[in-house]
C-alpha atoms as a PDB file:
ATOM      1  CA  MET A   1      -0.021   0.581   0.151  1.00  0.00           C
ATOM      2  CA  LYS A   2       3.128   2.498   1.037  1.00  0.00           C
ATOM      3  CA  ARG A   3       4.105   1.438  -2.737  1.00  0.00           C
ATOM      4  CA  ILE A   4       0.833   2.314  -4.271  1.00  0.00           C
ATOM      5  CA  TYR A   5       1.238   5.774  -2.657  1.00  0.00           C
ATOM      6  CA  THR A   6       4.454   7.129  -3.294  1.00  0.00           C
ATOM      7  CA  ILE A   7       3.650   5.728  -6.777  1.00  0.00           C
ATOM      8  CA  VAL A   8       1.142   8.011  -7.069  1.00  0.00           C
ATOM      9  CA  LEU A   9       2.682  11.034  -5.298  1.00  0.00           C
ATOM     10  CA  VAL A  10       5.518  10.679  -7.812  1.00  0.00           C
ATOM     11  CA  ALA A  11       3.271  10.589 -10.979  1.00  0.00           C
ATOM     12  CA  PHE A  12       1.550  13.902  -9.167  1.00  0.00           C
ATOM     13  CA  CYS A  13       5.229  16.117  -8.675  1.00  0.00           C
ATOM     14  CA  LEU A  14       6.067  14.733 -12.226  1.00  0.00           C
ATOM     15  CA  PHE A  15       2.451  15.992 -14.021  1.00  0.00           C
ATOM     16  CA  SER A  16       2.316  19.116 -11.748  1.00  0.00           C
ATOM     17  CA  GLY A  17       5.757  19.990 -13.418  1.00  0.00           C
ATOM     18  CA  LEU A  18       4.782  19.533 -16.915  1.00  0.00           C
ATOM     19  CA  ASN A  19       1.604  21.501 -16.206  1.00  0.00           C
ATOM     20  CA  THR A  20       4.456  24.804 -15.047  1.00  0.00           C
ATOM     21  CA  PHE A  21       5.989  24.311 -18.432  1.00  0.00           C
ATOM     22  CA  ALA A  22       2.894  24.206 -20.537  1.00  0.00           C
ATOM     23  CA  GLN A  23       1.686  27.651 -18.960  1.00  0.00           C
ATOM     24  CA  THR A  24       5.016  29.360 -19.563  1.00  0.00           C
ATOM     25  CA  THR A  25       4.599  31.861 -21.931  1.00  0.00           C
ATOM     26  CA  PRO A  26       7.147  33.348 -25.244  1.00  0.00           C
ATOM     27  CA  HIS A  27       8.937  35.873 -24.569  1.00  0.00           C
ATOM     28  CA  ILE A  28       7.717  39.040 -26.324  1.00  0.00           C
ATOM     29  CA  SER A  29      10.055  41.244 -27.626  1.00  0.00           C
ATOM     30  CA  GLU A  30      10.230  45.040 -25.709  1.00  0.00           C
ATOM     31  CA  ALA A  31       9.050  46.216 -29.691  1.00  0.00           C
ATOM     32  CA  GLU A  32       6.089  44.311 -29.476  1.00  0.00           C
ATOM     33  CA  VAL A  33       5.174  44.812 -25.578  1.00  0.00           C
ATOM     34  CA  GLU A  34       5.513  48.680 -26.613  1.00  0.00           C
ATOM     35  CA  GLN A  35       3.977  48.401 -29.927  1.00  0.00           C
ATOM     36  CA  ARG A  36       0.766  46.563 -28.700  1.00  0.00           C
ATOM     37  CA  ALA A  37       0.442  48.298 -25.125  1.00  0.00           C
ATOM     38  CA  ARG A  38      -0.038  51.509 -27.472  1.00  0.00           C
ATOM     39  CA  SER A  39      -2.847  49.704 -28.992  1.00  0.00           C
ATOM     40  CA  VAL A  40      -4.725  49.023 -26.455  1.00  0.00           C
ATOM     41  CA  GLY A  41      -3.863  52.320 -24.668  1.00  0.00           C
ATOM     42  CA  LYS A  42      -6.099  54.334 -27.591  1.00  0.00           C
ATOM     43  CA  SER A  43      -8.756  52.829 -26.448  1.00  0.00           C
ATOM     44  CA  LEU A  44      -8.412  53.199 -22.890  1.00  0.00           C
ATOM     45  CA  ARG A  45      -9.791  55.952 -21.403  1.00  0.00           C
ATOM     46  CA  CYS A  46      -7.844  58.358 -18.253  1.00  0.00           C
ATOM     47  CA  VAL A  47     -10.160  58.253 -15.931  1.00  0.00           C
ATOM     48  CA  VAL A  48      -9.014  61.475 -14.175  1.00  0.00           C
ATOM     49  CA  CYS A  49      -9.060  63.061 -17.687  1.00  0.00           C
ATOM     50  CA  GLN A  50     -12.260  61.615 -19.015  1.00  0.00           C
ATOM     51  CA  ASN A  51     -11.485  62.932 -22.846  1.00  0.00           C
ATOM     52  CA  GLN A  52      -8.063  61.359 -23.121  1.00  0.00           C
ATOM     53  CA  SER A  53      -6.738  58.099 -23.731  1.00  0.00           C
ATOM     54  CA  ILE A  54      -4.272  56.591 -20.602  1.00  0.00           C
ATOM     55  CA  ASP A  55      -1.474  56.769 -24.033  1.00  0.00           C
ATOM     56  CA  ASP A  56      -2.184  60.455 -24.372  1.00  0.00           C
ATOM     57  CA  SER A  57      -2.315  61.352 -20.869  1.00  0.00           C
ATOM     58  CA  ASN A  58      -0.068  63.011 -18.643  1.00  0.00           C
ATOM     59  CA  ALA A  59      -1.607  61.850 -14.964  1.00  0.00           C
ATOM     60  CA  PRO A  60      -0.617  59.506 -12.879  1.00  0.00           C
ATOM     61  CA  LEU A  61      -2.996  57.298 -12.271  1.00  0.00           C
ATOM     62  CA  ALA A  62      -3.001  56.706 -16.447  1.00  0.00           C
ATOM     63  CA  ALA A  63       1.044  55.889 -15.895  1.00  0.00           C
ATOM     64  CA  ASP A  64      -0.252  53.787 -13.517  1.00  0.00           C
ATOM     65  CA  MET A  65      -2.662  51.754 -16.147  1.00  0.00           C
ATOM     66  CA  ARG A  66       0.371  51.802 -18.557  1.00  0.00           C
ATOM     67  CA  LEU A  67       2.500  49.641 -16.701  1.00  0.00           C
ATOM     68  CA  LEU A  68      -0.548  47.814 -15.418  1.00  0.00           C
ATOM     69  CA  VAL A  69      -1.489  47.377 -19.758  1.00  0.00           C
ATOM     70  CA  ARG A  70       2.311  46.382 -20.148  1.00  0.00           C
ATOM     71  CA  GLU A  71       2.301  44.147 -17.251  1.00  0.00           C
ATOM     72  CA  ARG A  72      -0.392  42.150 -18.745  1.00  0.00           C
ATOM     73  CA  ILE A  73       0.719  41.615 -22.132  1.00  0.00           C
ATOM     74  CA  ARG A  74       3.824  40.608 -21.042  1.00  0.00           C
ATOM     75  CA  ALA A  75       2.245  38.066 -18.480  1.00  0.00           C
ATOM     76  CA  GLY A  76       1.042  36.695 -22.247  1.00  0.00           C
ATOM     77  CA  ASP A  77      -2.616  38.137 -22.633  1.00  0.00           C
ATOM     78  CA  ARG A  78      -3.703  38.789 -25.672  1.00  0.00           C
ATOM     79  CA  ASN A  79      -5.335  42.562 -26.298  1.00  0.00           C
ATOM     80  CA  GLU A  80      -8.840  41.515 -25.960  1.00  0.00           C
ATOM     81  CA  ASP A  81      -7.853  40.157 -22.431  1.00  0.00           C
ATOM     82  CA  VAL A  82      -5.856  43.362 -21.240  1.00  0.00           C
ATOM     83  CA  LEU A  83      -9.149  44.987 -22.225  1.00  0.00           C
ATOM     84  CA  ILE A  84     -11.112  42.657 -20.187  1.00  0.00           C
ATOM     85  CA  TYR A  85      -9.205  43.152 -17.449  1.00  0.00           C
ATOM     86  CA  MET A  86      -9.409  46.614 -17.565  1.00  0.00           C
ATOM     87  CA  ARG A  87     -13.156  46.454 -17.887  1.00  0.00           C
ATOM     88  CA  ASP A  88     -13.596  44.061 -14.996  1.00  0.00           C
ATOM     89  CA  ARG A  89     -11.498  46.427 -12.686  1.00  0.00           C
ATOM     90  CA  TYR A  90     -12.425  49.861 -13.750  1.00  0.00           C
ATOM     91  CA  GLY A  91     -16.052  49.211 -15.385  1.00  0.00           C
ATOM     92  CA  ASP A  92     -17.169  50.793 -18.754  1.00  0.00           C
ATOM     93  CA  PHE A  93     -16.438  53.851 -18.560  1.00  0.00           C
ATOM     94  CA  VAL A  94     -12.545  52.957 -19.013  1.00  0.00           C
ATOM     95  CA  LEU A  95     -13.572  51.931 -22.338  1.00  0.00           C
ATOM     96  CA  LEU A  96     -13.638  55.047 -25.028  1.00  0.00           C
ATOM     97  CA  LYS A  97     -15.599  53.168 -26.926  1.00  0.00           C
ATOM     98  CA  PRO A  98     -18.704  52.228 -24.787  1.00  0.00           C
ATOM     99  CA  PRO A  99     -19.881  48.737 -25.663  1.00  0.00           C
ATOM    100  CA  PHE A 100     -23.665  48.439 -27.292  1.00  0.00           C
ATOM    101  CA  GLN A 101     -25.214  46.582 -24.158  1.00  0.00           C
ATOM    102  CA  PRO A 102     -28.906  47.752 -22.700  1.00  0.00           C
ATOM    103  CA  ASN A 103     -27.112  50.093 -19.766  1.00  0.00           C
ATOM    104  CA  THR A 104     -25.526  52.360 -22.883  1.00  0.00           C
ATOM    105  CA  TYR A 105     -28.731  52.360 -25.322  1.00  0.00           C
ATOM    106  CA  ILE A 106     -28.948  55.628 -24.012  1.00  0.00           C
ATOM    107  CA  LEU A 107     -25.231  57.160 -25.258  1.00  0.00           C
ATOM    108  CA  TRP A 108     -25.816  55.380 -28.555  1.00  0.00           C
ATOM    109  CA  PHE A 109     -29.698  56.476 -29.258  1.00  0.00           C
ATOM    110  CA  ALA A 110     -29.640  59.700 -27.546  1.00  0.00           C
ATOM    111  CA  PRO A 111     -27.660  62.081 -30.456  1.00  0.00           C
ATOM    112  CA  MET A 112     -29.939  60.616 -33.376  1.00  0.00           C
ATOM    113  CA  GLY A 113     -33.058  60.913 -30.959  1.00  0.00           C
ATOM    114  CA  LEU A 114     -32.782  64.644 -30.368  1.00  0.00           C
ATOM    115  CA  LEU A 115     -31.993  65.081 -33.803  1.00  0.00           C
ATOM    116  CA  VAL A 116     -35.269  63.791 -35.320  1.00  0.00           C
ATOM    117  CA  LEU A 117     -36.941  65.517 -32.343  1.00  0.00           C
ATOM    118  CA  PHE A 118     -35.148  69.075 -33.508  1.00  0.00           C
ATOM    119  CA  LEU A 119     -36.305  68.232 -37.203  1.00  0.00           C
ATOM    120  CA  LEU A 120     -39.540  67.417 -36.020  1.00  0.00           C
ATOM    121  CA  TRP A 121     -39.965  70.820 -34.374  1.00  0.00           C
ATOM    122  CA  TYR A 122     -38.447  72.819 -36.945  1.00  0.00           C
ATOM    123  CA  ILE A 123     -41.127  71.086 -39.888  1.00  0.00           C
ATOM    124  CA  VAL A 124     -43.847  72.021 -37.604  1.00  0.00           C
ATOM    125  CA  GLN A 125     -42.625  75.850 -36.736  1.00  0.00           C
ATOM    126  CA  THR A 126     -42.284  76.094 -40.565  1.00  0.00           C
ATOM    127  CA  ARG A 127     -45.640  74.707 -41.507  1.00  0.00           C
ATOM    128  CA  ARG A 128     -47.270  76.701 -38.505  1.00  0.00           C
ATOM    129  CA  PRO A 129     -49.281  79.801 -40.837  1.00  0.00           C
ATOM    130  CA  LYS A 130     -47.422  83.047 -39.465  1.00  0.00           C
ATOM    131  CA  GLN A 131     -49.726  85.262 -37.946  1.00  0.00           C
ATOM    132  CA  SER A 132     -50.018  88.477 -38.917  1.00  0.00           C
ATOM    133  CA  VAL A 133     -49.862  91.867 -36.382  1.00  0.00           C
ATOM    134  CA  LYS A 134     -52.762  94.020 -36.324  1.00  0.00           C
ATOM    135  CA  ILE A 135     -52.128  97.261 -35.493  1.00  0.00           C
ATOM    136  CA  ALA A 136     -55.313  98.393 -33.728  1.00  0.00           C
ATOM    137  CA  GLN A 137     -56.200 102.472 -35.151  1.00  0.00           C
ATOM    138  CA  LEU A 138     -56.126 105.215 -33.234  1.00  0.00           C
ATOM    139  CA  SER A 139     -58.776 107.419 -32.237  1.00  0.00           C
ATOM    140  CA  ASP A 140     -59.769 110.565 -33.226  1.00  0.00           C
ATOM    141  CA  ASP A 141     -58.572 112.077 -29.783  1.00  0.00           C
ATOM    142  CA  GLU A 142     -55.558 109.377 -29.374  1.00  0.00           C
ATOM    143  CA  GLN A 143     -53.746 110.854 -32.977  1.00  0.00           C
ATOM    144  CA  LYS A 144     -54.258 114.411 -31.532  1.00  0.00           C
ATOM    145  CA  ARG A 145     -52.328 114.024 -28.775  1.00  0.00           C
ATOM    146  CA  TYR A 146     -49.776 111.903 -30.526  1.00  0.00           C
ATOM    147  CA  ASP A 147     -49.382 114.464 -32.932  1.00  0.00           C
ATOM    148  CA  ALA A 148     -49.219 117.223 -30.192  1.00  0.00           C
ATOM    149  CA  LEU A 149     -46.291 115.077 -28.456  1.00  0.00           C
ATOM    150  CA  ILE A 150     -44.197 114.368 -31.956  1.00  0.00           C
ATOM    151  CA  THR A 151     -44.585 118.243 -32.330  1.00  0.00           C
ATOM    152  CA  LYS A 152     -42.778 118.740 -29.315  1.00  0.00           C
ATOM    153  CA  ILE A 153     -40.487 116.746 -29.799  1.00  0.00           C
ATOM    154  CA  GLU A 154     -39.187 117.451 -32.896  1.00  0.00           C
ATOM    155  CA  PRO A 155     -36.910 119.909 -33.419  1.00  0.00           C
ATOM    156  CA  LYS A 156     -37.787 123.068 -35.319  1.00  0.00           C
ATOM    157  CA  SER A 157     -35.432 123.516 -38.504  1.00  0.00           C
END
Protein backbone atom coordinates (compact mmCIF):
# COMPACT_ATOMS: atom_id res chain seq x y z
CA MET A 1 0.00 0.00 0.00
CA LYS A 2 2.87 2.30 0.81
CA ARG A 3 4.27 1.65 -2.61
CA ILE A 4 1.02 2.74 -4.34
CA TYR A 5 0.97 6.01 -2.40
CA THR A 6 4.58 6.63 -3.37
CA ILE A 7 3.86 5.98 -7.06
CA VAL A 8 0.82 8.27 -7.00
CA LEU A 9 2.81 11.01 -5.25
CA VAL A 10 5.68 10.76 -7.74
CA ALA A 11 3.24 10.79 -10.69
CA PHE A 12 1.46 13.79 -9.25
CA CYS A 13 4.74 15.68 -8.87
CA LEU A 14 5.79 14.82 -12.40
CA PHE A 15 2.51 15.87 -14.00
CA SER A 16 2.26 19.05 -11.99
CA GLY A 17 5.77 20.00 -13.13
CA LEU A 18 4.84 19.42 -16.77
CA ASN A 19 1.82 21.65 -16.39
CA THR A 20 3.91 24.61 -15.24
CA PHE A 21 6.24 24.19 -18.18
CA ALA A 22 3.28 24.15 -20.55
CA GLN A 23 1.93 27.40 -19.10
CA THR A 24 5.08 29.43 -19.53
CA THR A 25 4.61 32.19 -22.05
CA PRO A 26 6.90 32.68 -25.00
CA HIS A 27 9.28 35.59 -24.70
CA ILE A 28 7.83 38.75 -26.22
CA SER A 29 10.21 41.43 -27.43
CA GLU A 30 9.99 44.85 -25.79
CA ALA A 31 9.22 46.43 -29.16
CA GLU A 32 6.18 44.18 -29.55
CA VAL A 33 5.10 44.88 -25.95
CA GLU A 34 5.37 48.62 -26.60
CA GLN A 35 3.45 48.42 -29.87
CA ARG A 36 0.65 46.34 -28.36
CA ALA A 37 0.53 48.53 -25.23
CA ARG A 38 0.11 51.65 -27.37
CA SER A 39 -2.66 50.06 -29.41
CA VAL A 40 -4.49 48.95 -26.24
CA GLY A 41 -3.79 52.30 -24.55
CA LYS A 42 -5.51 54.21 -27.37
CA SER A 43 -8.79 52.44 -26.59
CA LEU A 44 -8.66 52.97 -22.81
CA ARG A 45 -9.86 56.20 -21.20
CA CYS A 46 -7.88 57.98 -18.52
CA VAL A 47 -10.24 58.00 -15.54
CA VAL A 48 -8.76 61.30 -14.36
CA CYS A 49 -8.73 63.29 -17.62
CA GLN A 50 -11.84 61.56 -19.05
CA ASN A 51 -11.38 62.90 -22.58
CA GLN A 52 -7.97 61.42 -23.26
CA SER A 53 -6.70 57.93 -23.74
CA ILE A 54 -4.20 56.60 -21.23
CA ASP A 55 -1.65 56.75 -24.03
CA ASP A 56 -2.10 60.53 -24.40
CA SER A 57 -2.62 61.46 -20.74
CA ASN A 58 0.09 62.75 -18.38
CA ALA A 59 -1.87 61.94 -15.21
CA PRO A 60 -0.12 59.70 -12.66
CA LEU A 61 -3.04 57.25 -12.70
CA ALA A 62 -2.75 56.95 -16.49
CA ALA A 63 0.94 56.11 -16.08
CA ASP A 64 -0.01 53.38 -13.60
CA MET A 65 -2.62 52.07 -16.04
CA ARG A 66 -0.03 52.00 -18.84
CA LEU A 67 2.31 49.97 -16.60
CA LEU A 68 -0.53 47.59 -15.78
CA VAL A 69 -1.28 47.11 -19.48
CA ARG A 70 2.38 46.32 -20.18
CA GLU A 71 2.50 43.85 -17.29
CA ARG A 72 -0.58 42.03 -18.61
CA ILE A 73 0.92 41.87 -22.12
CA ARG A 74 4.23 40.53 -20.76
CA ALA A 75 2.24 37.92 -18.81
CA GLY A 76 0.93 36.63 -22.14
CA ASP A 77 -2.53 38.20 -22.33
CA ARG A 78 -3.98 39.02 -25.73
CA ASN A 79 -5.09 42.61 -26.39
CA GLU A 80 -8.74 41.62 -25.89
CA ASP A 81 -7.85 39.97 -22.57
CA VAL A 82 -6.14 43.15 -21.38
CA LEU A 83 -9.21 45.21 -22.31
CA ILE A 84 -11.47 42.75 -20.47
CA TYR A 85 -9.19 42.88 -17.41
CA MET A 86 -9.19 46.69 -17.36
CA ARG A 87 -12.96 46.76 -17.91
CA ASP A 88 -13.49 44.35 -15.02
CA ARG A 89 -11.24 46.45 -12.82
CA TYR A 90 -12.48 49.98 -13.71
CA GLY A 91 -15.89 49.34 -15.29
CA ASP A 92 -17.26 50.24 -18.73
CA PHE A 93 -16.23 53.86 -18.21
CA VAL A 94 -12.60 52.99 -18.92
CA LEU A 95 -13.39 52.12 -22.54
CA LEU A 96 -13.25 55.07 -24.95
CA LYS A 97 -15.84 53.40 -27.18
CA PRO A 98 -18.69 52.26 -24.93
CA PRO A 99 -20.05 48.78 -25.62
CA PHE A 100 -23.48 48.36 -27.20
CA GLN A 101 -25.50 46.92 -24.32
CA PRO A 102 -28.76 47.85 -22.53
CA ASN A 103 -27.15 50.17 -19.98
CA THR A 104 -25.46 52.20 -22.76
CA TYR A 105 -28.37 52.45 -25.22
CA ILE A 106 -28.92 56.09 -24.23
CA LEU A 107 -25.33 56.91 -25.25
CA TRP A 108 -25.91 55.39 -28.67
CA PHE A 109 -29.45 56.57 -29.40
CA ALA A 110 -29.70 59.97 -27.64
CA PRO A 111 -27.91 61.99 -30.36
CA MET A 112 -30.10 60.55 -33.11
CA GLY A 113 -33.24 60.96 -30.99
CA LEU A 114 -32.44 64.61 -30.30
CA LEU A 115 -31.83 65.21 -34.00
CA VAL A 116 -35.18 63.65 -34.91
CA LEU A 117 -36.96 65.75 -32.26
CA PHE A 118 -35.31 68.92 -33.56
CA LEU A 119 -36.30 68.11 -37.15
CA LEU A 120 -39.91 67.46 -36.12
CA TRP A 121 -40.02 70.76 -34.20
CA TYR A 122 -38.53 72.59 -37.21
CA ILE A 123 -41.06 71.08 -39.62
CA VAL A 124 -43.96 72.01 -37.33
CA GLN A 125 -42.66 75.57 -36.96
CA THR A 126 -42.14 76.12 -40.69
CA ARG A 127 -45.55 74.69 -41.69
CA ARG A 128 -47.47 76.73 -39.15
CA PRO A 129 -49.23 79.68 -40.82
CA LYS A 130 -47.63 83.02 -40.17
CA GLN A 131 -49.56 85.17 -37.76
CA SER A 132 -49.72 88.75 -38.81
CA VAL A 133 -49.79 91.45 -36.21
CA LYS A 134 -52.72 93.76 -36.57
CA ILE A 135 -52.04 97.31 -35.54
CA ALA A 136 -55.01 98.92 -33.91
CA GLN A 137 -56.01 102.27 -35.33
CA LEU A 138 -55.81 105.24 -33.02
CA SER A 139 -58.96 107.06 -32.17
CA ASP A 140 -59.26 110.74 -33.19
CA ASP A 141 -58.50 111.91 -29.64
CA GLU A 142 -55.43 109.63 -29.40
CA GLN A 143 -54.21 110.78 -32.83
CA LYS A 144 -54.41 114.45 -31.76
CA ARG A 145 -52.48 113.77 -28.57
CA TYR A 146 -49.87 111.81 -30.56
CA ASP A 147 -49.45 114.67 -33.06
CA ALA A 148 -49.09 117.16 -30.20
CA LEU A 149 -46.37 115.07 -28.58
CA ILE A 150 -44.47 114.63 -31.84
CA THR A 151 -44.47 118.35 -32.58
CA LYS A 152 -43.00 119.02 -29.13
CA ILE A 153 -40.22 116.50 -29.67
CA GLU A 154 -39.29 117.35 -33.26
CA PRO A 155 -36.74 120.14 -33.53
CA LYS A 156 -37.82 123.11 -35.59
CA SER A 157 -35.61 123.75 -38.50
